[in-house]
Amino acid sequence: MMLLLSTRCAIGGVPIPDYILNIISYVIDFIKIGVPLLLIIFGMFDLAKGVVAKKEEDMKKYQSLFFKKLLAGAMVFFVVSITIFLLKLLDSAETNGRSTDDYEALKCIQEIIKEH
């Protein structure tokens, strides 16, 4: 039995199956949205620990930990978003007379980072 795989792009003449592109796209989406969300949720647990802490220094420690996780979540979101923006900008750049075959990888990147 032969399994037919559809492909949207190829790099170096090797076709990349759609399911691999979709998996990479979902991983990028999880990193962009899921990781910051998880960091904020775990940071909220730390903040709750700080609220019920008896000592002032423990409250400050948990509050500091919460803000560090909040900052890390924002950094993850913006680093991925800025990287995607730069890749889209690179993809839209002029080819300067080169053949479009030189830009096969950019076509694949465009397929991966397209909006669902």
Protein backbone atom coordinates (compact mmCIF):
# COMPACT_ATOMS: atom_id res chain seq x y z
CA MET A 1 0.00 0.00 0.00
CA MET A 2 1.46 3.34 -1.01
CA LEU A 3 0.91 6.36 1.18
CA LEU A 4 0.46 9.55 -0.82
CA LEU A 5 1.87 12.59 0.91
CA SER A 6 1.10 16.04 -0.34
CA THR A 7 3.88 18.59 -0.27
CA ARG A 8 3.81 22.36 -0.44
CA CYS A 9 7.54 22.95 -0.64
CA ALA A 10 10.85 21.29 -1.33
CA ILE A 11 14.37 22.11 -0.24
CA GLY A 12 17.21 21.03 -2.49
CA GLY A 13 14.76 19.02 -4.56
CA VAL A 14 13.65 16.99 -1.53
CA PRO A 15 9.93 17.42 -0.92
CA ILE A 16 8.90 18.20 2.65
CA PRO A 17 5.62 16.46 3.59
CA ASP A 18 2.75 18.64 4.78
CA TYR A 19 2.46 16.83 8.10
CA ILE A 20 6.04 17.86 9.01
CA LEU A 21 5.29 21.48 8.12
CA ASN A 22 2.11 21.33 10.23
CA ILE A 23 3.94 19.83 13.22
CA ILE A 24 6.61 22.54 13.08
CA SER A 25 3.90 25.20 12.78
CA TYR A 26 2.05 23.85 15.84
CA VAL A 27 5.28 23.71 17.86
CA ILE A 28 5.99 27.35 16.99
CA ASP A 29 2.43 28.30 17.97
CA PHE A 30 2.82 26.48 21.29
CA ILE A 31 6.11 28.22 21.99
CA LYS A 32 4.60 31.58 21.07
CA ILE A 33 1.36 31.22 23.05
CA GLY A 34 1.56 28.21 25.36
CA VAL A 35 4.93 28.83 27.01
CA PRO A 36 4.16 32.43 28.07
CA LEU A 37 0.72 31.35 29.28
CA LEU A 38 2.22 28.52 31.36
CA LEU A 39 4.84 30.87 32.79
CA ILE A 40 2.15 33.33 33.81
CA ILE A 41 0.00 30.59 35.39
CA PHE A 42 2.93 29.19 37.38
CA GLY A 43 3.89 32.73 38.30
CA MET A 44 0.39 33.29 39.67
CA PHE A 45 0.86 30.23 41.89
CA ASP A 46 4.07 31.80 43.18
CA LEU A 47 2.25 35.06 43.81
CA ALA A 48 -0.46 33.17 45.72
CA LYS A 49 2.24 31.55 47.85
CA GLY A 50 3.58 35.02 48.58
CA VAL A 51 0.15 36.25 49.63
CA VAL A 52 -0.25 33.49 52.23
CA ALA A 53 3.37 33.75 53.41
CA LYS A 54 3.79 34.98 56.96
CA LYS A 55 7.15 36.69 56.52
CA GLU A 56 7.66 39.91 54.60
CA GLU A 57 10.84 38.62 52.93
CA ASP A 58 9.02 35.49 51.67
CA MET A 59 6.31 37.69 50.17
CA LYS A 60 8.92 39.78 48.38
CA LYS A 61 10.73 36.65 47.16
CA TYR A 62 7.56 35.17 45.64
CA GLN A 63 6.54 38.53 44.19
CA SER A 64 9.98 38.87 42.57
CA LEU A 65 9.69 35.34 41.18
CA PHE A 66 6.27 36.16 39.71
CA PHE A 67 7.59 39.25 37.93
CA LYS A 68 10.57 37.32 36.56
CA LYS A 69 8.24 34.69 35.10
CA LEU A 70 5.98 37.40 33.72
CA LEU A 71 8.96 39.06 32.05
CA ALA A 72 10.22 35.71 30.70
CA GLY A 73 6.78 34.97 29.22
CA ALA A 74 6.68 38.36 27.51
CA MET A 75 10.21 37.87 26.18
CA VAL A 76 9.37 34.43 24.74
CA PHE A 77 6.28 35.82 23.03
CA PHE A 78 8.05 38.83 21.56
CA VAL A 79 11.20 36.96 20.49
CA VAL A 80 9.13 34.44 18.52
CA SER A 81 6.91 37.19 17.08
CA ILE A 82 9.88 39.35 16.07
CA THR A 83 11.61 36.33 14.50
CA ILE A 84 8.49 35.52 12.47
CA PHE A 85 8.22 39.18 11.42
CA LEU A 86 11.86 39.20 10.27
CA LEU A 87 11.39 35.96 8.34
CA LYS A 88 8.32 37.43 6.61
CA LEU A 89 10.30 40.57 5.85
CA LEU A 90 13.13 38.48 4.41
CA ASP A 91 10.61 36.53 2.36
CA SER A 92 9.16 39.71 0.89
CA ALA A 93 12.58 41.12 -0.06
CA GLU A 94 13.40 41.47 -3.72
CA THR A 95 15.28 38.64 -5.40
CA ASN A 96 17.79 40.97 -7.10
CA GLY A 97 17.63 39.03 -10.34
CA ARG A 98 18.28 35.61 -8.82
CA SER A 99 16.10 32.70 -9.79
CA THR A 100 13.31 31.84 -7.40
CA ASP A 101 14.86 28.39 -6.95
CA ASP A 102 17.40 30.08 -4.67
CA TYR A 103 14.55 30.87 -2.30
CA GLU A 104 13.08 27.39 -1.77
CA ALA A 105 13.81 27.52 1.95
CA LEU A 106 12.00 30.85 2.25
CA LYS A 107 8.95 29.33 0.59
CA CYS A 108 8.97 26.55 3.18
CA ILE A 109 9.38 29.05 6.00
CA GLN A 110 6.43 30.99 4.62
CA GLU A 111 4.34 27.81 4.65
CA ILE A 112 5.35 27.05 8.23
CA ILE A 113 4.66 30.49 9.67
CA LYS A 114 1.46 31.21 7.77
CA GLU A 115 -1.54 32.05 9.87
CA HIS A 116 -3.98 29.17 10.40
